[in-house]
Amino acid sequence: MFKKAISIATILLALTVISCKDDVVPKPAGYLRLDYPEAKYVGFENNCPFTFEMNEAAVIKGEKNCGFAITYPKMKATIYLTYKPVNGDINKLLKDAQKLTYEHVIKADDILEQPYLNPQKKVYGMFYQVDGNAATNSQFYVTDSTKHFITGSVYFYAKPNFDSIMPAASYIKNDMQRLMETLKWK
């Protein structure tokens, strides 16, 4: 009888130990958290007929014919600025800038237009936010309508996947808007 009680106790103890395992639960999906430092802006000026403010974390490369590549090495992104003098062809320049934006309509979910007008500085333009998996997420053009015309667009060196690059795209979009708003003609 005593042996039977010990056998039953041993079996119960074994079952208790085996049954006390934690249930296997799959881990929840993890998401990459991208935090960027607060943007600090510095003035940029050279021999081109305009000045602007840019993020001090960005680097200007390839200054040619007053066109620039403003790179963000940590985000693998570049803002390309192109300058063209207006020689009575403002309508052609406007049409080309708009065409460049709307070429992304195939991949874009939506294109939001935001006009920009600053009569005091004689800076007029349009900012485009391109939503979806397009090659560029933000573009703009600015002009004084008589002498100067600038286009800008951002490109990431990664396959377009809007959900993945959204934090970086939003950060750089703010920098592009700041560039537009601080642009002054000389």
C-alpha atoms as a PDB file:
ATOM      1  CA  MET A   1       0.000   0.000   0.000  1.00  0.00           C
ATOM      2  CA  PHE A   2       2.846   2.283   0.916  1.00  0.00           C
ATOM      3  CA  LYS A   3       4.545   1.558  -2.441  1.00  0.00           C
ATOM      4  CA  LYS A   4       1.307   2.324  -4.254  1.00  0.00           C
ATOM      5  CA  ALA A   5       1.032   5.702  -2.498  1.00  0.00           C
ATOM      6  CA  ILE A   6       4.640   6.566  -3.404  1.00  0.00           C
ATOM      7  CA  SER A   7       4.024   5.542  -7.043  1.00  0.00           C
ATOM      8  CA  ILE A   8       0.903   7.693  -7.231  1.00  0.00           C
ATOM      9  CA  ALA A   9       2.728  10.609  -5.581  1.00  0.00           C
ATOM     10  CA  THR A  10       5.616  10.243  -8.035  1.00  0.00           C
ATOM     11  CA  ILE A  11       3.239  10.199 -11.008  1.00  0.00           C
ATOM     12  CA  LEU A  12       1.386  13.264  -9.720  1.00  0.00           C
ATOM     13  CA  LEU A  13       4.676  15.085  -9.118  1.00  0.00           C
ATOM     14  CA  ALA A  14       5.876  14.211 -12.641  1.00  0.00           C
ATOM     15  CA  LEU A  15       2.602  15.391 -14.191  1.00  0.00           C
ATOM     16  CA  THR A  16       2.776  18.627 -12.205  1.00  0.00           C
ATOM     17  CA  VAL A  17       6.324  19.338 -13.369  1.00  0.00           C
ATOM     18  CA  ILE A  18       5.514  18.530 -16.999  1.00  0.00           C
ATOM     19  CA  SER A  19       2.293  20.531 -17.019  1.00  0.00           C
ATOM     20  CA  CYS A  20       3.883  23.679 -15.526  1.00  0.00           C
ATOM     21  CA  LYS A  21       5.557  24.710 -18.757  1.00  0.00           C
ATOM     22  CA  ASP A  22       4.600  28.082 -20.183  1.00  0.00           C
ATOM     23  CA  ASP A  23       2.438  27.961 -23.273  1.00  0.00           C
ATOM     24  CA  VAL A  24       4.295  28.719 -26.462  1.00  0.00           C
ATOM     25  CA  VAL A  25       3.064  32.070 -27.758  1.00  0.00           C
ATOM     26  CA  PRO A  26       4.375  33.617 -30.963  1.00  0.00           C
ATOM     27  CA  LYS A  27       6.122  36.967 -30.544  1.00  0.00           C
ATOM     28  CA  PRO A  28       4.256  39.990 -31.831  1.00  0.00           C
ATOM     29  CA  ALA A  29       5.543  41.575 -35.015  1.00  0.00           C
ATOM     30  CA  GLY A  30       8.341  44.055 -34.336  1.00  0.00           C
ATOM     31  CA  TYR A  31       8.557  47.377 -36.112  1.00  0.00           C
ATOM     32  CA  LEU A  32      11.629  49.450 -36.797  1.00  0.00           C
ATOM     33  CA  ARG A  33      11.562  52.670 -34.826  1.00  0.00           C
ATOM     34  CA  LEU A  34      13.274  55.507 -36.612  1.00  0.00           C
ATOM     35  CA  ASP A  35      13.916  58.576 -34.527  1.00  0.00           C
ATOM     36  CA  TYR A  36      15.657  61.504 -36.125  1.00  0.00           C
ATOM     37  CA  PRO A  37      17.195  64.448 -34.320  1.00  0.00           C
ATOM     38  CA  GLU A  38      15.330  67.727 -34.267  1.00  0.00           C
ATOM     39  CA  ALA A  39      16.234  69.609 -37.438  1.00  0.00           C
ATOM     40  CA  LYS A  40      18.571  72.574 -37.077  1.00  0.00           C
ATOM     41  CA  TYR A  41      18.785  74.835 -40.094  1.00  0.00           C
ATOM     42  CA  VAL A  42      21.713  76.846 -41.410  1.00  0.00           C
ATOM     43  CA  GLY A  43      21.856  79.359 -44.227  1.00  0.00           C
ATOM     44  CA  PHE A  44      23.428  78.365 -47.535  1.00  0.00           C
ATOM     45  CA  GLU A  45      24.873  80.925 -49.900  1.00  0.00           C
ATOM     46  CA  ASN A  46      27.336  80.789 -52.773  1.00  0.00           C
ATOM     47  CA  ASN A  47      27.642  82.551 -56.138  1.00  0.00           C
ATOM     48  CA  CYS A  48      24.202  81.360 -57.356  1.00  0.00           C
ATOM     49  CA  PRO A  49      21.358  83.898 -57.665  1.00  0.00           C
ATOM     50  CA  PHE A  50      19.522  82.549 -54.588  1.00  0.00           C
ATOM     51  CA  THR A  51      20.007  81.588 -50.945  1.00  0.00           C
ATOM     52  CA  PHE A  52      18.122  79.175 -48.692  1.00  0.00           C
ATOM     53  CA  GLU A  53      18.233  77.372 -45.359  1.00  0.00           C
ATOM     54  CA  MET A  54      18.970  73.665 -45.112  1.00  0.00           C
ATOM     55  CA  ASN A  55      19.244  71.016 -42.418  1.00  0.00           C
ATOM     56  CA  GLU A  56      22.738  71.018 -40.931  1.00  0.00           C
ATOM     57  CA  ALA A  57      22.663  67.185 -40.968  1.00  0.00           C
ATOM     58  CA  ALA A  58      22.552  67.235 -44.784  1.00  0.00           C
ATOM     59  CA  VAL A  59      25.558  67.563 -47.093  1.00  0.00           C
ATOM     60  CA  ILE A  60      25.627  69.513 -50.376  1.00  0.00           C
ATOM     61  CA  LYS A  61      27.360  67.796 -53.283  1.00  0.00           C
ATOM     62  CA  GLY A  62      27.765  68.454 -56.972  1.00  0.00           C
ATOM     63  CA  GLU A  63      27.328  72.198 -57.249  1.00  0.00           C
ATOM     64  CA  LYS A  64      27.056  72.545 -61.014  1.00  0.00           C
ATOM     65  CA  ASN A  65      25.187  75.318 -62.854  1.00  0.00           C
ATOM     66  CA  CYS A  66      23.551  76.172 -59.515  1.00  0.00           C
ATOM     67  CA  GLY A  67      22.094  72.684 -59.263  1.00  0.00           C
ATOM     68  CA  PHE A  68      22.722  70.729 -56.088  1.00  0.00           C
ATOM     69  CA  ALA A  69      22.443  67.293 -54.578  1.00  0.00           C
ATOM     70  CA  ILE A  70      21.605  67.685 -50.890  1.00  0.00           C
ATOM     71  CA  THR A  71      22.323  64.273 -49.401  1.00  0.00           C
ATOM     72  CA  TYR A  72      21.141  62.677 -46.174  1.00  0.00           C
ATOM     73  CA  PRO A  73      23.690  59.880 -45.639  1.00  0.00           C
ATOM     74  CA  LYS A  74      21.939  58.326 -42.619  1.00  0.00           C
ATOM     75  CA  MET A  75      18.628  58.113 -44.503  1.00  0.00           C
ATOM     76  CA  LYS A  76      20.064  57.140 -47.891  1.00  0.00           C
ATOM     77  CA  ALA A  77      18.183  60.005 -49.516  1.00  0.00           C
ATOM     78  CA  THR A  78      18.995  62.969 -51.727  1.00  0.00           C
ATOM     79  CA  ILE A  79      17.160  66.166 -52.604  1.00  0.00           C
ATOM     80  CA  TYR A  80      18.027  67.197 -56.144  1.00  0.00           C
ATOM     81  CA  LEU A  81      17.758  70.915 -56.876  1.00  0.00           C
ATOM     82  CA  THR A  82      17.881  72.176 -60.443  1.00  0.00           C
ATOM     83  CA  TYR A  83      18.176  75.841 -61.360  1.00  0.00           C
ATOM     84  CA  LYS A  84      17.205  77.255 -64.754  1.00  0.00           C
ATOM     85  CA  PRO A  85      17.129  80.874 -65.794  1.00  0.00           C
ATOM     86  CA  VAL A  86      13.815  82.061 -67.214  1.00  0.00           C
ATOM     87  CA  ASN A  87      14.307  83.294 -70.781  1.00  0.00           C
ATOM     88  CA  GLY A  88      10.729  84.026 -71.765  1.00  0.00           C
ATOM     89  CA  ASP A  89       9.905  80.323 -71.434  1.00  0.00           C
ATOM     90  CA  ILE A  90       8.161  80.266 -68.046  1.00  0.00           C
ATOM     91  CA  ASN A  91       5.191  78.305 -69.447  1.00  0.00           C
ATOM     92  CA  LYS A  92       7.496  75.548 -70.744  1.00  0.00           C
ATOM     93  CA  LEU A  93       9.369  75.378 -67.417  1.00  0.00           C
ATOM     94  CA  LEU A  94       6.088  75.132 -65.486  1.00  0.00           C
ATOM     95  CA  LYS A  95       4.755  72.447 -67.818  1.00  0.00           C
ATOM     96  CA  ASP A  96       7.996  70.424 -67.504  1.00  0.00           C
ATOM     97  CA  ALA A  97       7.922  70.633 -63.678  1.00  0.00           C
ATOM     98  CA  GLN A  98       4.301  69.510 -63.561  1.00  0.00           C
ATOM     99  CA  LYS A  99       4.948  66.726 -66.056  1.00  0.00           C
ATOM    100  CA  LEU A 100       7.817  65.431 -63.908  1.00  0.00           C
ATOM    101  CA  THR A 101       5.488  65.185 -60.921  1.00  0.00           C
ATOM    102  CA  TYR A 102       2.599  63.552 -62.744  1.00  0.00           C
ATOM    103  CA  GLU A 103       4.828  60.892 -64.313  1.00  0.00           C
ATOM    104  CA  HIS A 104       4.602  59.249 -60.870  1.00  0.00           C
ATOM    105  CA  VAL A 105       0.814  58.965 -61.043  1.00  0.00           C
ATOM    106  CA  ILE A 106       1.116  55.315 -62.147  1.00  0.00           C
ATOM    107  CA  LYS A 107       2.580  54.228 -58.789  1.00  0.00           C
ATOM    108  CA  ALA A 108       1.139  57.019 -56.637  1.00  0.00           C
ATOM    109  CA  ASP A 109      -1.970  56.603 -54.525  1.00  0.00           C
ATOM    110  CA  ASP A 110      -2.522  60.352 -54.442  1.00  0.00           C
ATOM    111  CA  ILE A 111      -0.734  63.593 -55.328  1.00  0.00           C
ATOM    112  CA  LEU A 112      -1.477  66.548 -53.080  1.00  0.00           C
ATOM    113  CA  GLU A 113      -0.717  70.040 -54.391  1.00  0.00           C
ATOM    114  CA  GLN A 114       0.100  72.875 -52.016  1.00  0.00           C
ATOM    115  CA  PRO A 115       0.577  76.310 -53.634  1.00  0.00           C
ATOM    116  CA  TYR A 116       3.255  78.570 -52.187  1.00  0.00           C
ATOM    117  CA  LEU A 117       3.060  82.359 -52.544  1.00  0.00           C
ATOM    118  CA  ASN A 118       5.410  84.901 -50.973  1.00  0.00           C
ATOM    119  CA  PRO A 119       4.927  88.232 -52.758  1.00  0.00           C
ATOM    120  CA  GLN A 120       7.380  90.063 -50.440  1.00  0.00           C
ATOM    121  CA  LYS A 121      10.265  87.831 -51.572  1.00  0.00           C
ATOM    122  CA  LYS A 122       8.783  87.280 -55.064  1.00  0.00           C
ATOM    123  CA  VAL A 123       8.810  83.517 -54.586  1.00  0.00           C
ATOM    124  CA  TYR A 124       5.897  81.587 -56.102  1.00  0.00           C
ATOM    125  CA  GLY A 125       5.582  77.855 -56.520  1.00  0.00           C
ATOM    126  CA  MET A 126       3.949  74.546 -55.806  1.00  0.00           C
ATOM    127  CA  PHE A 127       4.792  71.767 -53.366  1.00  0.00           C
ATOM    128  CA  TYR A 128       3.712  68.232 -54.286  1.00  0.00           C
ATOM    129  CA  GLN A 129       3.320  65.393 -51.807  1.00  0.00           C
ATOM    130  CA  VAL A 130       3.208  62.065 -53.622  1.00  0.00           C
ATOM    131  CA  ASP A 131       1.604  59.292 -51.546  1.00  0.00           C
ATOM    132  CA  GLY A 132       2.216  55.654 -52.356  1.00  0.00           C
ATOM    133  CA  ASN A 133       5.111  53.629 -53.716  1.00  0.00           C
ATOM    134  CA  ALA A 134       6.359  56.236 -56.182  1.00  0.00           C
ATOM    135  CA  ALA A 135      10.051  56.889 -56.767  1.00  0.00           C
ATOM    136  CA  THR A 136       9.783  60.336 -55.158  1.00  0.00           C
ATOM    137  CA  ASN A 137       7.556  61.365 -52.267  1.00  0.00           C
ATOM    138  CA  SER A 138       7.989  65.139 -52.423  1.00  0.00           C
ATOM    139  CA  GLN A 139       8.660  67.624 -55.194  1.00  0.00           C
ATOM    140  CA  PHE A 140       8.421  71.346 -55.648  1.00  0.00           C
ATOM    141  CA  TYR A 141       9.132  74.219 -57.952  1.00  0.00           C
ATOM    142  CA  VAL A 142       9.625  77.903 -57.203  1.00  0.00           C
ATOM    143  CA  THR A 143      10.054  80.903 -59.461  1.00  0.00           C
ATOM    144  CA  ASP A 144       9.974  84.674 -59.507  1.00  0.00           C
ATOM    145  CA  SER A 145       8.210  84.374 -62.915  1.00  0.00           C
ATOM    146  CA  THR A 146      10.727  86.552 -64.757  1.00  0.00           C
ATOM    147  CA  LYS A 147      14.337  85.442 -64.122  1.00  0.00           C
ATOM    148  CA  HIS A 148      14.654  82.339 -61.953  1.00  0.00           C
ATOM    149  CA  PHE A 149      13.173  78.829 -61.801  1.00  0.00           C
ATOM    150  CA  ILE A 150      14.119  76.032 -59.359  1.00  0.00           C
ATOM    151  CA  THR A 151      12.798  72.470 -59.098  1.00  0.00           C
ATOM    152  CA  GLY A 152      13.448  70.065 -56.253  1.00  0.00           C
ATOM    153  CA  SER A 153      12.669  66.412 -55.650  1.00  0.00           C
ATOM    154  CA  VAL A 154      13.694  63.798 -53.114  1.00  0.00           C
ATOM    155  CA  TYR A 155      14.788  60.273 -53.968  1.00  0.00           C
ATOM    156  CA  PHE A 156      15.601  57.384 -51.633  1.00  0.00           C
ATOM    157  CA  TYR A 157      18.197  54.773 -52.490  1.00  0.00           C
ATOM    158  CA  ALA A 158      15.868  51.903 -51.699  1.00  0.00           C
ATOM    159  CA  LYS A 159      13.006  50.127 -53.404  1.00  0.00           C
ATOM    160  CA  PRO A 160       9.942  52.358 -53.056  1.00  0.00           C
ATOM    161  CA  ASN A 161       7.896  51.087 -50.147  1.00  0.00           C
ATOM    162  CA  PHE A 162       6.056  54.035 -48.655  1.00  0.00           C
ATOM    163  CA  ASP A 163       5.332  52.336 -45.325  1.00  0.00           C
ATOM    164  CA  SER A 164       9.020  51.639 -44.717  1.00  0.00           C
ATOM    165  CA  ILE A 165      10.402  55.042 -45.645  1.00  0.00           C
ATOM    166  CA  MET A 166       7.510  57.118 -44.279  1.00  0.00           C
ATOM    167  CA  PRO A 167       9.370  58.488 -41.203  1.00  0.00           C
ATOM    168  CA  ALA A 168      12.359  59.560 -43.303  1.00  0.00           C
ATOM    169  CA  ALA A 169      10.120  60.887 -46.091  1.00  0.00           C
ATOM    170  CA  SER A 170       8.179  62.995 -43.604  1.00  0.00           C
ATOM    171  CA  TYR A 171      11.395  64.365 -42.062  1.00  0.00           C
ATOM    172  CA  ILE A 172      12.843  65.347 -45.440  1.00  0.00           C
ATOM    173  CA  LYS A 173       9.491  66.738 -46.629  1.00  0.00           C
ATOM    174  CA  ASN A 174       9.686  69.230 -43.757  1.00  0.00           C
ATOM    175  CA  ASP A 175      13.234  70.150 -44.808  1.00  0.00           C
ATOM    176  CA  MET A 176      12.092  70.696 -48.404  1.00  0.00           C
ATOM    177  CA  GLN A 177       9.270  72.948 -47.265  1.00  0.00           C
ATOM    178  CA  ARG A 178      11.721  74.916 -45.107  1.00  0.00           C
ATOM    179  CA  LEU A 179      14.044  75.281 -48.102  1.00  0.00           C
ATOM    180  CA  MET A 180      11.143  76.606 -50.194  1.00  0.00           C
ATOM    181  CA  GLU A 181       9.959  79.011 -47.503  1.00  0.00           C
ATOM    182  CA  THR A 182      13.426  80.460 -46.834  1.00  0.00           C
ATOM    183  CA  LEU A 183      14.491  80.785 -50.472  1.00  0.00           C
ATOM    184  CA  LYS A 184      15.473  84.337 -51.445  1.00  0.00           C
ATOM    185  CA  TRP A 185      16.562  85.694 -54.799  1.00  0.00           C
ATOM    186  CA  LYS A 186      19.712  87.839 -54.896  1.00  0.00           C
END
